[in-house]
Amino acid sequence: MIDPADLLNFAHIALPFLLLSTALVIVMTRNLLAAAILLGIFSLLMAALYLTLDAPDVAITEAAVGAGVGTVLVLCTLIFVGTEDKGASYNLLIPLVVIIITGSALLYATVDMPSFGDPNSPAQSSELTQHYITKSAEEIGIPNIVTSVLASYRGFDTLGEAAVVFMAAVGVLLLLGGNLKEDEEAQNVNEQKKDKS
């Protein structure tokens, strides 16, 4: 019988490898439809990684927004711009240098981070963290600490995030709806011209 701990350890090794492989294929592909589908797969792999790291709320958000809404928006965009890459009309050396500098700065910043799961790290040993751990179930009435923090202690922040996602979705729908209406009007005009001739 397979031990769940061994399966989890395998996932911690396999998922980053799959993410890196998928990212490389996305960068190298020239078909934008294939890249959009691979971006959805990348988001699902990220959601699986978050789930293995005991962050189910982040995993659900990544699956819904990244793989769901994000993929649909990219596919809707491809309807208007086509699926073939036209190629870059500018020098790619400057973006590459910016990426290398930014990546190096981020890697350098990880040197000062505490070890994963370190009980003496500032996030674990602060007075606020201890308050959330010991009092959240009593104050909020929700046994899950993450849910009580997201839904109550920082509820206005969560509401703001939900409002931003909602406004973005409405904006995209309005933009797409306006273009579809213009296309229908142009099609009606073309049909009327055909009928007259």
N, C-alpha and C. Protein backbone atom coordinates (compact mmCIF):
# COMPACT_ATOMS: atom_id res chain seq x y z
N MET A 1 0.83 -1.18 0.00
CA MET A 1 0.00 0.00 0.00
C MET A 1 0.89 1.26 0.00
N ILE A 2 0.44 2.26 -0.72
CA ILE A 2 1.22 3.50 -0.85
C ILE A 2 1.02 4.37 0.38
N ASP A 3 2.13 4.81 0.95
CA ASP A 3 2.08 5.69 2.11
C ASP A 3 1.78 7.12 1.65
N PRO A 4 0.76 7.78 2.23
CA PRO A 4 0.43 9.16 1.81
C PRO A 4 1.60 10.13 1.96
N ALA A 5 2.46 9.91 2.96
CA ALA A 5 3.62 10.80 3.14
C ALA A 5 4.58 10.66 1.96
N ASP A 6 4.78 9.43 1.46
CA ASP A 6 5.64 9.23 0.29
C ASP A 6 5.05 9.88 -0.94
N LEU A 7 3.73 9.78 -1.09
CA LEU A 7 3.05 10.41 -2.22
C LEU A 7 3.19 11.93 -2.16
N LEU A 8 3.08 12.50 -0.97
CA LEU A 8 3.23 13.94 -0.80
C LEU A 8 4.66 14.38 -1.10
N ASN A 9 5.64 13.60 -0.65
CA ASN A 9 7.04 13.91 -0.95
C ASN A 9 7.31 13.84 -2.45
N PHE A 10 6.71 12.86 -3.13
CA PHE A 10 6.86 12.75 -4.58
C PHE A 10 6.25 13.97 -5.26
N ALA A 11 5.07 14.42 -4.78
CA ALA A 11 4.41 15.59 -5.37
C ALA A 11 5.26 16.84 -5.19
N HIS A 12 5.92 16.97 -4.03
CA HIS A 12 6.78 18.14 -3.78
C HIS A 12 7.98 18.17 -4.72
N ILE A 13 8.40 17.01 -5.21
CA ILE A 13 9.50 16.96 -6.17
C ILE A 13 8.98 17.08 -7.60
N ALA A 14 7.89 16.39 -7.91
CA ALA A 14 7.40 16.32 -9.28
C ALA A 14 6.74 17.62 -9.73
N LEU A 15 5.95 18.26 -8.86
CA LEU A 15 5.21 19.45 -9.29
C LEU A 15 6.11 20.61 -9.70
N PRO A 16 7.15 20.96 -8.95
CA PRO A 16 8.04 22.03 -9.45
C PRO A 16 8.70 21.68 -10.78
N PHE A 17 9.07 20.40 -10.97
CA PHE A 17 9.65 19.98 -12.24
C PHE A 17 8.63 20.15 -13.38
N LEU A 18 7.38 19.73 -13.14
CA LEU A 18 6.34 19.89 -14.15
C LEU A 18 6.05 21.36 -14.44
N LEU A 19 6.07 22.20 -13.39
CA LEU A 19 5.84 23.63 -13.58
C LEU A 19 6.94 24.24 -14.44
N LEU A 20 8.18 23.91 -14.15
CA LEU A 20 9.30 24.43 -14.94
C LEU A 20 9.23 23.95 -16.38
N SER A 21 8.92 22.69 -16.57
CA SER A 21 8.81 22.14 -17.93
C SER A 21 7.69 22.84 -18.70
N THR A 22 6.54 23.02 -18.06
CA THR A 22 5.41 23.68 -18.72
C THR A 22 5.76 25.12 -19.06
N ALA A 23 6.43 25.83 -18.16
CA ALA A 23 6.81 27.22 -18.42
C ALA A 23 7.76 27.30 -19.62
N LEU A 24 8.71 26.38 -19.71
CA LEU A 24 9.64 26.39 -20.84
C LEU A 24 8.92 26.13 -22.15
N VAL A 25 7.97 25.20 -22.15
CA VAL A 25 7.21 24.91 -23.37
C VAL A 25 6.36 26.13 -23.76
N ILE A 26 5.77 26.81 -22.78
CA ILE A 26 4.97 27.99 -23.07
C ILE A 26 5.82 29.07 -23.73
N VAL A 27 7.03 29.26 -23.21
CA VAL A 27 7.91 30.30 -23.77
C VAL A 27 8.34 29.95 -25.19
N MET A 28 8.55 28.66 -25.47
CA MET A 28 9.07 28.27 -26.77
C MET A 28 7.98 28.09 -27.84
N THR A 29 6.73 27.91 -27.47
CA THR A 29 5.69 27.67 -28.47
C THR A 29 5.34 28.95 -29.22
N ARG A 30 5.02 28.81 -30.49
CA ARG A 30 4.65 29.96 -31.32
C ARG A 30 3.15 30.01 -31.59
N ASN A 31 2.43 28.94 -31.25
CA ASN A 31 0.98 28.92 -31.42
C ASN A 31 0.34 29.46 -30.16
N LEU A 32 -0.37 30.57 -30.27
CA LEU A 32 -0.93 31.23 -29.10
C LEU A 32 -2.06 30.42 -28.45
N LEU A 33 -2.79 29.64 -29.24
CA LEU A 33 -3.84 28.79 -28.67
C LEU A 33 -3.22 27.71 -27.79
N ALA A 34 -2.15 27.09 -28.27
CA ALA A 34 -1.46 26.08 -27.46
C ALA A 34 -0.88 26.72 -26.20
N ALA A 35 -0.35 27.94 -26.32
CA ALA A 35 0.21 28.63 -25.15
C ALA A 35 -0.89 28.93 -24.14
N ALA A 36 -2.08 29.33 -24.61
CA ALA A 36 -3.19 29.62 -23.70
C ALA A 36 -3.63 28.37 -22.95
N ILE A 37 -3.70 27.25 -23.65
CA ILE A 37 -4.08 25.99 -23.00
C ILE A 37 -3.01 25.58 -21.99
N LEU A 38 -1.75 25.74 -22.36
CA LEU A 38 -0.66 25.41 -21.44
C LEU A 38 -0.66 26.32 -20.21
N LEU A 39 -1.06 27.58 -20.38
CA LEU A 39 -1.17 28.48 -19.23
C LEU A 39 -2.24 27.98 -18.25
N GLY A 40 -3.35 27.46 -18.79
CA GLY A 40 -4.37 26.86 -17.93
C GLY A 40 -3.84 25.65 -17.18
N ILE A 41 -3.06 24.81 -17.88
CA ILE A 41 -2.45 23.65 -17.23
C ILE A 41 -1.46 24.10 -16.16
N PHE A 42 -0.69 25.16 -16.45
CA PHE A 42 0.26 25.70 -15.47
C PHE A 42 -0.49 26.14 -14.21
N SER A 43 -1.63 26.81 -14.38
CA SER A 43 -2.41 27.25 -13.22
C SER A 43 -2.93 26.07 -12.42
N LEU A 44 -3.37 25.03 -13.09
CA LEU A 44 -3.85 23.84 -12.36
C LEU A 44 -2.71 23.17 -11.60
N LEU A 45 -1.52 23.14 -12.20
CA LEU A 45 -0.37 22.59 -11.48
C LEU A 45 -0.02 23.44 -10.26
N MET A 46 -0.12 24.77 -10.41
CA MET A 46 0.12 25.66 -9.26
C MET A 46 -0.91 25.40 -8.17
N ALA A 47 -2.17 25.20 -8.56
CA ALA A 47 -3.20 24.91 -7.57
C ALA A 47 -2.89 23.61 -6.84
N ALA A 48 -2.42 22.61 -7.57
CA ALA A 48 -2.04 21.34 -6.93
C ALA A 48 -0.87 21.54 -5.98
N LEU A 49 0.10 22.37 -6.37
CA LEU A 49 1.23 22.64 -5.49
C LEU A 49 0.78 23.35 -4.22
N TYR A 50 -0.10 24.34 -4.35
CA TYR A 50 -0.63 25.03 -3.17
C TYR A 50 -1.36 24.06 -2.26
N LEU A 51 -2.08 23.11 -2.86
CA LEU A 51 -2.82 22.13 -2.07
C LEU A 51 -1.87 21.24 -1.28
N THR A 52 -0.76 20.84 -1.90
CA THR A 52 0.21 20.00 -1.18
C THR A 52 0.93 20.79 -0.08
N LEU A 53 0.93 22.12 -0.18
CA LEU A 53 1.56 22.95 0.84
C LEU A 53 0.56 23.38 1.91
N ASP A 54 -0.59 22.69 1.98
CA ASP A 54 -1.64 22.94 2.98
C ASP A 54 -2.22 24.35 2.88
N ALA A 55 -2.45 24.81 1.67
CA ALA A 55 -3.10 26.10 1.45
C ALA A 55 -4.29 25.90 0.51
N PRO A 56 -5.35 25.23 1.01
CA PRO A 56 -6.47 24.92 0.11
C PRO A 56 -7.21 26.17 -0.37
N ASP A 57 -7.26 27.23 0.45
CA ASP A 57 -7.95 28.44 0.01
C ASP A 57 -7.23 29.09 -1.16
N VAL A 58 -5.90 29.12 -1.12
CA VAL A 58 -5.13 29.68 -2.22
C VAL A 58 -5.24 28.76 -3.44
N ALA A 59 -5.28 27.45 -3.23
CA ALA A 59 -5.41 26.50 -4.34
C ALA A 59 -6.74 26.69 -5.06
N ILE A 60 -7.81 26.87 -4.31
CA ILE A 60 -9.12 27.08 -4.93
C ILE A 60 -9.14 28.38 -5.71
N THR A 61 -8.56 29.44 -5.15
CA THR A 61 -8.51 30.72 -5.85
C THR A 61 -7.69 30.60 -7.13
N GLU A 62 -6.55 29.93 -7.07
CA GLU A 62 -5.71 29.75 -8.27
C GLU A 62 -6.45 28.95 -9.33
N ALA A 63 -7.14 27.90 -8.92
CA ALA A 63 -7.88 27.08 -9.89
C ALA A 63 -9.01 27.88 -10.52
N ALA A 64 -9.74 28.65 -9.70
CA ALA A 64 -10.88 29.40 -10.23
C ALA A 64 -10.45 30.59 -11.09
N VAL A 65 -9.53 31.39 -10.55
CA VAL A 65 -9.14 32.61 -11.26
C VAL A 65 -8.10 32.31 -12.34
N GLY A 66 -7.04 31.58 -11.98
CA GLY A 66 -5.97 31.33 -12.94
C GLY A 66 -6.38 30.39 -14.05
N ALA A 67 -6.81 29.18 -13.68
CA ALA A 67 -7.16 28.19 -14.70
C ALA A 67 -8.53 28.46 -15.32
N GLY A 68 -9.46 28.97 -14.53
CA GLY A 68 -10.81 29.20 -15.04
C GLY A 68 -10.96 30.51 -15.77
N VAL A 69 -11.08 31.59 -15.01
CA VAL A 69 -11.37 32.91 -15.58
C VAL A 69 -10.22 33.37 -16.48
N GLY A 70 -8.98 33.21 -16.02
CA GLY A 70 -7.84 33.66 -16.81
C GLY A 70 -7.76 32.98 -18.16
N THR A 71 -7.96 31.67 -18.20
CA THR A 71 -7.90 30.94 -19.46
C THR A 71 -9.03 31.37 -20.39
N VAL A 72 -10.22 31.57 -19.86
CA VAL A 72 -11.34 32.01 -20.69
C VAL A 72 -11.06 33.39 -21.28
N LEU A 73 -10.52 34.30 -20.48
CA LEU A 73 -10.21 35.65 -20.98
C LEU A 73 -9.14 35.61 -22.07
N VAL A 74 -8.12 34.78 -21.88
CA VAL A 74 -7.07 34.67 -22.91
C VAL A 74 -7.66 34.07 -24.19
N LEU A 75 -8.51 33.06 -24.07
CA LEU A 75 -9.12 32.47 -25.26
C LEU A 75 -10.04 33.46 -25.97
N CYS A 76 -10.77 34.27 -25.21
CA CYS A 76 -11.62 35.31 -25.81
C CYS A 76 -10.76 36.35 -26.53
N THR A 77 -9.63 36.67 -25.98
CA THR A 77 -8.72 37.62 -26.64
C THR A 77 -8.20 37.05 -27.94
N LEU A 78 -7.92 35.75 -27.97
CA LEU A 78 -7.41 35.12 -29.19
C LEU A 78 -8.42 35.16 -30.32
N ILE A 79 -9.70 35.25 -30.00
CA ILE A 79 -10.72 35.38 -31.04
C ILE A 79 -10.47 36.65 -31.86
N PHE A 80 -10.02 37.71 -31.19
CA PHE A 80 -9.83 38.99 -31.85
C PHE A 80 -8.44 39.17 -32.46
N VAL A 81 -7.42 38.55 -31.88
CA VAL A 81 -6.06 38.79 -32.36
C VAL A 81 -5.49 37.63 -33.18
N GLY A 82 -6.15 36.49 -33.21
CA GLY A 82 -5.63 35.35 -33.95
C GLY A 82 -4.77 34.46 -33.07
N THR A 83 -4.37 33.33 -33.63
CA THR A 83 -3.63 32.34 -32.84
C THR A 83 -2.17 32.20 -33.22
N GLU A 84 -1.72 32.95 -34.21
CA GLU A 84 -0.32 32.83 -34.63
C GLU A 84 0.50 33.99 -34.11
N ASP A 85 1.68 33.68 -33.59
CA ASP A 85 2.61 34.69 -33.09
C ASP A 85 3.22 35.44 -34.27
N LYS A 86 3.17 36.76 -34.23
CA LYS A 86 3.71 37.58 -35.32
C LYS A 86 5.21 37.83 -35.16
N GLY A 87 5.76 37.49 -34.01
CA GLY A 87 7.18 37.72 -33.77
C GLY A 87 7.40 39.08 -33.13
N ALA A 88 8.49 39.22 -32.41
CA ALA A 88 8.79 40.48 -31.72
C ALA A 88 9.35 41.49 -32.71
N SER A 89 8.92 42.73 -32.58
CA SER A 89 9.42 43.79 -33.45
C SER A 89 10.42 44.68 -32.71
N TYR A 90 10.96 44.18 -31.60
CA TYR A 90 11.92 44.95 -30.81
C TYR A 90 13.02 44.02 -30.33
N ASN A 91 14.07 44.62 -29.80
CA ASN A 91 15.22 43.86 -29.31
C ASN A 91 14.87 43.12 -28.03
N LEU A 92 15.11 41.82 -28.00
CA LEU A 92 14.76 41.01 -26.83
C LEU A 92 15.85 41.02 -25.76
N LEU A 93 16.97 41.67 -26.02
CA LEU A 93 18.08 41.67 -25.06
C LEU A 93 17.73 42.47 -23.80
N ILE A 94 17.06 43.62 -23.96
CA ILE A 94 16.71 44.46 -22.80
C ILE A 94 15.75 43.74 -21.86
N PRO A 95 14.65 43.14 -22.36
CA PRO A 95 13.79 42.38 -21.43
C PRO A 95 14.51 41.23 -20.74
N LEU A 96 15.42 40.56 -21.46
CA LEU A 96 16.17 39.46 -20.87
C LEU A 96 17.06 39.96 -19.73
N VAL A 97 17.70 41.10 -19.91
CA VAL A 97 18.55 41.67 -18.86
C VAL A 97 17.71 42.04 -17.64
N VAL A 98 16.52 42.65 -17.88
CA VAL A 98 15.63 43.02 -16.77
C VAL A 98 15.19 41.77 -16.00
N ILE A 99 14.86 40.70 -16.71
CA ILE A 99 14.43 39.46 -16.06
C ILE A 99 15.57 38.87 -15.22
N ILE A 100 16.78 38.87 -15.76
CA ILE A 100 17.92 38.32 -15.03
C ILE A 100 18.20 39.13 -13.77
N ILE A 101 18.16 40.46 -13.88
CA ILE A 101 18.42 41.32 -12.72
C ILE A 101 17.33 41.11 -11.66
N THR A 102 16.07 41.09 -12.09
CA THR A 102 14.96 40.91 -11.15
C THR A 102 15.03 39.53 -10.49
N GLY A 103 15.29 38.49 -11.29
CA GLY A 103 15.40 37.14 -10.73
C GLY A 103 16.56 37.03 -9.74
N SER A 104 17.68 37.66 -10.07
CA SER A 104 18.83 37.63 -9.15
C SER A 104 18.50 38.34 -7.84
N ALA A 105 17.79 39.48 -7.92
CA ALA A 105 17.41 40.21 -6.69
C ALA A 105 16.47 39.36 -5.84
N LEU A 106 15.53 38.67 -6.49
CA LEU A 106 14.60 37.83 -5.73
C LEU A 106 15.32 36.66 -5.07
N LEU A 107 16.25 36.04 -5.80
CA LEU A 107 17.02 34.94 -5.22
C LEU A 107 17.89 35.43 -4.06
N TYR A 108 18.47 36.62 -4.21
CA TYR A 108 19.28 37.19 -3.14
C TYR A 108 18.43 37.46 -1.89
N ALA A 109 17.18 37.87 -2.11
CA ALA A 109 16.29 38.18 -0.98
C ALA A 109 15.93 36.92 -0.19
N THR A 110 15.97 35.76 -0.84
CA THR A 110 15.60 34.53 -0.12
C THR A 110 16.66 34.10 0.89
N VAL A 111 17.87 34.65 0.80
CA VAL A 111 18.93 34.28 1.73
C VAL A 111 18.55 34.63 3.17
N ASP A 112 17.87 35.77 3.36
CA ASP A 112 17.50 36.22 4.70
C ASP A 112 16.21 35.61 5.23
N MET A 113 15.54 34.81 4.40
CA MET A 113 14.28 34.22 4.85
C MET A 113 14.54 33.13 5.89
N PRO A 114 13.64 32.99 6.87
CA PRO A 114 13.80 31.89 7.83
C PRO A 114 13.55 30.54 7.15
N SER A 115 14.03 29.49 7.75
CA SER A 115 13.82 28.15 7.21
C SER A 115 12.33 27.84 7.19
N PHE A 116 11.94 26.98 6.23
CA PHE A 116 10.54 26.60 6.10
C PHE A 116 10.07 25.89 7.36
N GLY A 117 9.00 26.39 7.97
CA GLY A 117 8.44 25.79 9.18
C GLY A 117 9.18 26.12 10.46
N ASP A 118 10.10 27.08 10.42
CA ASP A 118 10.86 27.45 11.61
C ASP A 118 9.92 28.06 12.66
N PRO A 119 9.78 27.43 13.84
CA PRO A 119 8.86 27.97 14.85
C PRO A 119 9.32 29.29 15.46
N ASN A 120 10.58 29.65 15.27
CA ASN A 120 11.10 30.90 15.81
C ASN A 120 11.08 32.04 14.80
N SER A 121 10.51 31.81 13.60
CA SER A 121 10.46 32.87 12.60
C SER A 121 9.50 33.97 13.08
N PRO A 122 9.68 35.20 12.61
CA PRO A 122 8.81 36.31 13.05
C PRO A 122 7.33 36.03 12.79
N ALA A 123 7.02 35.37 11.69
CA ALA A 123 5.61 35.09 11.39
C ALA A 123 5.00 34.13 12.40
N GLN A 124 5.81 33.21 12.94
CA GLN A 124 5.30 32.21 13.88
C GLN A 124 5.31 32.69 15.33
N SER A 125 6.25 33.54 15.66
CA SER A 125 6.44 33.87 17.08
C SER A 125 5.87 35.24 17.47
N SER A 126 5.21 35.93 16.54
CA SER A 126 4.69 37.26 16.90
C SER A 126 3.48 37.13 17.82
N GLU A 127 3.22 38.21 18.52
CA GLU A 127 2.08 38.24 19.45
C GLU A 127 0.76 38.11 18.69
N LEU A 128 0.69 38.73 17.51
CA LEU A 128 -0.53 38.68 16.71
C LEU A 128 -0.82 37.25 16.24
N THR A 129 0.22 36.55 15.82
CA THR A 129 0.05 35.16 15.38
C THR A 129 -0.47 34.30 16.53
N GLN A 130 0.10 34.47 17.69
CA GLN A 130 -0.34 33.70 18.84
C GLN A 130 -1.80 34.03 19.20
N HIS A 131 -2.18 35.30 19.03
CA HIS A 131 -3.57 35.68 19.29
C HIS A 131 -4.52 34.97 18.33
N TYR A 132 -4.15 34.95 17.03
CA TYR A 132 -4.99 34.27 16.04
C TYR A 132 -5.11 32.78 16.36
N ILE A 133 -4.01 32.15 16.73
CA ILE A 133 -4.01 30.72 16.98
C ILE A 133 -4.85 30.37 18.21
N THR A 134 -4.72 31.17 19.26
CA THR A 134 -5.39 30.81 20.52
C THR A 134 -6.81 31.37 20.63
N LYS A 135 -7.11 32.49 19.99
CA LYS A 135 -8.39 33.16 20.22
C LYS A 135 -9.36 33.15 19.05
N SER A 136 -8.90 32.77 17.83
CA SER A 136 -9.79 32.93 16.68
C SER A 136 -11.04 32.06 16.76
N ALA A 137 -10.89 30.82 17.21
CA ALA A 137 -12.07 29.95 17.32
C ALA A 137 -13.06 30.50 18.34
N GLU A 138 -12.54 31.07 19.42
CA GLU A 138 -13.39 31.62 20.47
C GLU A 138 -14.05 32.94 20.02
N GLU A 139 -13.27 33.83 19.39
CA GLU A 139 -13.79 35.14 18.99
C GLU A 139 -14.70 35.09 17.77
N ILE A 140 -14.34 34.26 16.79
CA ILE A 140 -15.05 34.24 15.52
C ILE A 140 -16.05 33.09 15.47
N GLY A 141 -15.75 32.00 16.11
CA GLY A 141 -16.64 30.84 16.08
C GLY A 141 -16.37 29.91 14.90
N ILE A 142 -15.24 30.10 14.21
CA ILE A 142 -14.86 29.25 13.07
C ILE A 142 -13.61 28.47 13.48
N PRO A 143 -13.64 27.14 13.38
CA PRO A 143 -12.48 26.36 13.84
C PRO A 143 -11.24 26.50 12.95
N ASN A 144 -11.42 26.82 11.66
CA ASN A 144 -10.30 26.97 10.74
C ASN A 144 -9.71 28.37 10.89
N ILE A 145 -8.44 28.46 11.27
CA ILE A 145 -7.80 29.75 11.54
C ILE A 145 -7.68 30.58 10.26
N VAL A 146 -7.32 29.94 9.14
CA VAL A 146 -7.15 30.68 7.89
C VAL A 146 -8.48 31.31 7.47
N THR A 147 -9.56 30.54 7.57
CA THR A 147 -10.87 31.07 7.20
C THR A 147 -11.27 32.22 8.11
N SER A 148 -11.01 32.09 9.41
CA SER A 148 -11.39 33.17 10.32
C SER A 148 -10.59 34.44 10.04
N VAL A 149 -9.32 34.30 9.66
CA VAL A 149 -8.52 35.48 9.33
C VAL A 149 -9.03 36.12 8.04
N LEU A 150 -9.27 35.30 7.01
CA LEU A 150 -9.71 35.85 5.72
C LEU A 150 -11.12 36.43 5.78
N ALA A 151 -12.01 35.76 6.50
CA ALA A 151 -13.41 36.18 6.49
C ALA A 151 -13.74 37.22 7.54
N SER A 152 -12.95 37.32 8.60
CA SER A 152 -13.31 38.24 9.67
C SER A 152 -12.22 39.26 9.97
N TYR A 153 -11.06 38.81 10.42
CA TYR A 153 -10.02 39.75 10.82
C TYR A 153 -9.61 40.68 9.68
N ARG A 154 -9.50 40.13 8.48
CA ARG A 154 -9.17 40.96 7.33
C ARG A 154 -10.29 40.87 6.28
N GLY A 155 -11.51 40.91 6.76
CA GLY A 155 -12.68 40.78 5.89
C GLY A 155 -12.81 41.90 4.87
N PHE A 156 -12.47 43.14 5.26
CA PHE A 156 -12.56 44.26 4.31
C PHE A 156 -11.57 44.07 3.17
N ASP A 157 -10.40 43.55 3.46
CA ASP A 157 -9.40 43.29 2.42
C ASP A 157 -9.91 42.22 1.46
N THR A 158 -10.49 41.16 2.00
CA THR A 158 -11.05 40.10 1.17
C THR A 158 -12.20 40.63 0.33
N LEU A 159 -13.05 41.47 0.91
CA LEU A 159 -14.14 42.08 0.16
C LEU A 159 -13.60 42.94 -0.97
N GLY A 160 -12.53 43.68 -0.70
CA GLY A 160 -11.91 44.50 -1.74
C GLY A 160 -11.36 43.65 -2.88
N GLU A 161 -10.72 42.53 -2.53
CA GLU A 161 -10.19 41.64 -3.57
C GLU A 161 -11.33 41.07 -4.42
N ALA A 162 -12.41 40.66 -3.77
CA ALA A 162 -13.55 40.13 -4.51
C ALA A 162 -14.16 41.20 -5.41
N ALA A 163 -14.22 42.44 -4.92
CA ALA A 163 -14.77 43.54 -5.73
C ALA A 163 -13.89 43.81 -6.95
N VAL A 164 -12.58 43.75 -6.78
CA VAL A 164 -11.67 43.97 -7.91
C VAL A 164 -11.86 42.90 -8.98
N VAL A 165 -11.94 41.63 -8.55
CA VAL A 165 -12.15 40.54 -9.51
C VAL A 165 -13.50 40.71 -10.21
N PHE A 166 -14.53 41.09 -9.47
CA PHE A 166 -15.85 41.29 -10.06
C PHE A 166 -15.84 42.43 -11.08
N MET A 167 -15.20 43.56 -10.71
CA MET A 167 -15.14 44.70 -11.63
C MET A 167 -14.34 44.35 -12.88
N ALA A 168 -13.27 43.58 -12.74
CA ALA A 168 -12.49 43.16 -13.91
C ALA A 168 -13.33 42.30 -14.83
N ALA A 169 -14.09 41.37 -14.25
CA ALA A 169 -14.95 40.49 -15.07
C ALA A 169 -16.03 41.30 -15.78
N VAL A 170 -16.65 42.24 -15.08
CA VAL A 170 -17.69 43.08 -15.70
C VAL A 170 -17.09 43.93 -16.82
N GLY A 171 -15.89 44.50 -16.57
CA GLY A 171 -15.23 45.30 -17.60
C GLY A 171 -14.94 44.50 -18.86
N VAL A 172 -14.44 43.27 -18.68
CA VAL A 172 -14.15 42.42 -19.83
C VAL A 172 -15.43 42.08 -20.57
N LEU A 173 -16.48 41.75 -19.83
CA LEU A 173 -17.77 41.43 -20.49
C LEU A 173 -18.31 42.63 -21.26
N LEU A 174 -18.17 43.83 -20.69
CA LEU A 174 -18.63 45.03 -21.40
C LEU A 174 -17.82 45.26 -22.67
N LEU A 175 -16.51 45.06 -22.58
CA LEU A 175 -15.67 45.23 -23.78
C LEU A 175 -16.02 44.20 -24.84
N LEU A 176 -16.16 42.95 -24.44
CA LEU A 176 -16.50 41.91 -25.40
C LEU A 176 -17.90 42.11 -25.96
N GLY A 177 -18.84 42.50 -25.11
CA GLY A 177 -20.21 42.74 -25.56
C GLY A 177 -20.29 43.87 -26.56
N GLY A 178 -19.53 44.93 -26.32
CA GLY A 178 -19.52 46.06 -27.24
C GLY A 178 -18.98 45.66 -28.60
N ASN A 179 -17.93 44.88 -28.63
CA ASN A 179 -17.36 44.43 -29.90
C ASN A 179 -18.31 43.49 -30.63
N LEU A 180 -18.99 42.62 -29.88
CA LEU A 180 -19.93 41.70 -30.51
C LEU A 180 -21.11 42.47 -31.12
N LYS A 181 -21.57 43.52 -30.42
CA LYS A 181 -22.68 44.32 -30.94
C LYS A 181 -22.26 45.03 -32.23
N GLU A 182 -21.04 45.58 -32.24
CA GLU A 182 -20.54 46.24 -33.46
C GLU A 182 -20.43 45.24 -34.60
N ASP A 183 -19.97 44.02 -34.31
CA ASP A 183 -19.87 42.99 -35.34
C ASP A 183 -21.24 42.63 -35.90
N GLU A 184 -22.26 42.53 -35.02
CA GLU A 184 -23.61 42.23 -35.48
C GLU A 184 -24.15 43.34 -36.35
N GLU A 185 -23.91 44.60 -35.97
CA GLU A 185 -24.38 45.73 -36.78
C GLU A 185 -23.70 45.74 -38.15
N ALA A 186 -22.40 45.47 -38.18
CA ALA A 186 -21.68 45.42 -39.46
C ALA A 186 -22.20 44.28 -40.32
N GLN A 187 -22.52 43.15 -39.69
CA GLN A 187 -23.05 42.02 -40.45
C GLN A 187 -24.42 42.36 -41.02
N ASN A 188 -25.27 43.05 -40.24
CA ASN A 188 -26.59 43.46 -40.73
C ASN A 188 -26.47 44.41 -41.90
N VAL A 189 -25.53 45.35 -41.84
CA VAL A 189 -25.32 46.30 -42.95
C VAL A 189 -24.86 45.54 -44.20
N ASN A 190 -23.96 44.57 -44.03
CA ASN A 190 -23.50 43.78 -45.18
C ASN A 190 -24.63 42.98 -45.79
N GLU A 191 -25.50 42.41 -44.94
CA GLU A 191 -26.64 41.65 -45.46
C GLU A 191 -27.60 42.55 -46.23
N GLN A 192 -27.83 43.78 -45.73
CA GLN A 192 -28.70 44.72 -46.41
C GLN A 192 -28.12 45.11 -47.77
N LYS A 193 -26.81 45.28 -47.85
CA LYS A 193 -26.16 45.60 -49.13
C LYS A 193 -26.31 44.46 -50.12
N LYS A 194 -26.20 43.21 -49.61
CA LYS A 194 -26.36 42.05 -50.48
C LYS A 194 -27.78 41.95 -51.01
N ASP A 195 -28.76 42.24 -50.12
CA ASP A 195 -30.16 42.18 -50.53
C ASP A 195 -30.47 43.20 -51.59
N LYS A 196 -29.88 44.39 -51.52
CA LYS A 196 -30.14 45.46 -52.51
C LYS A 196 -29.52 45.13 -53.85
N SER A 197 -28.41 44.42 -53.85
CA SER A 197 -27.74 44.12 -55.13
C SER A 197 -28.17 42.80 -55.70
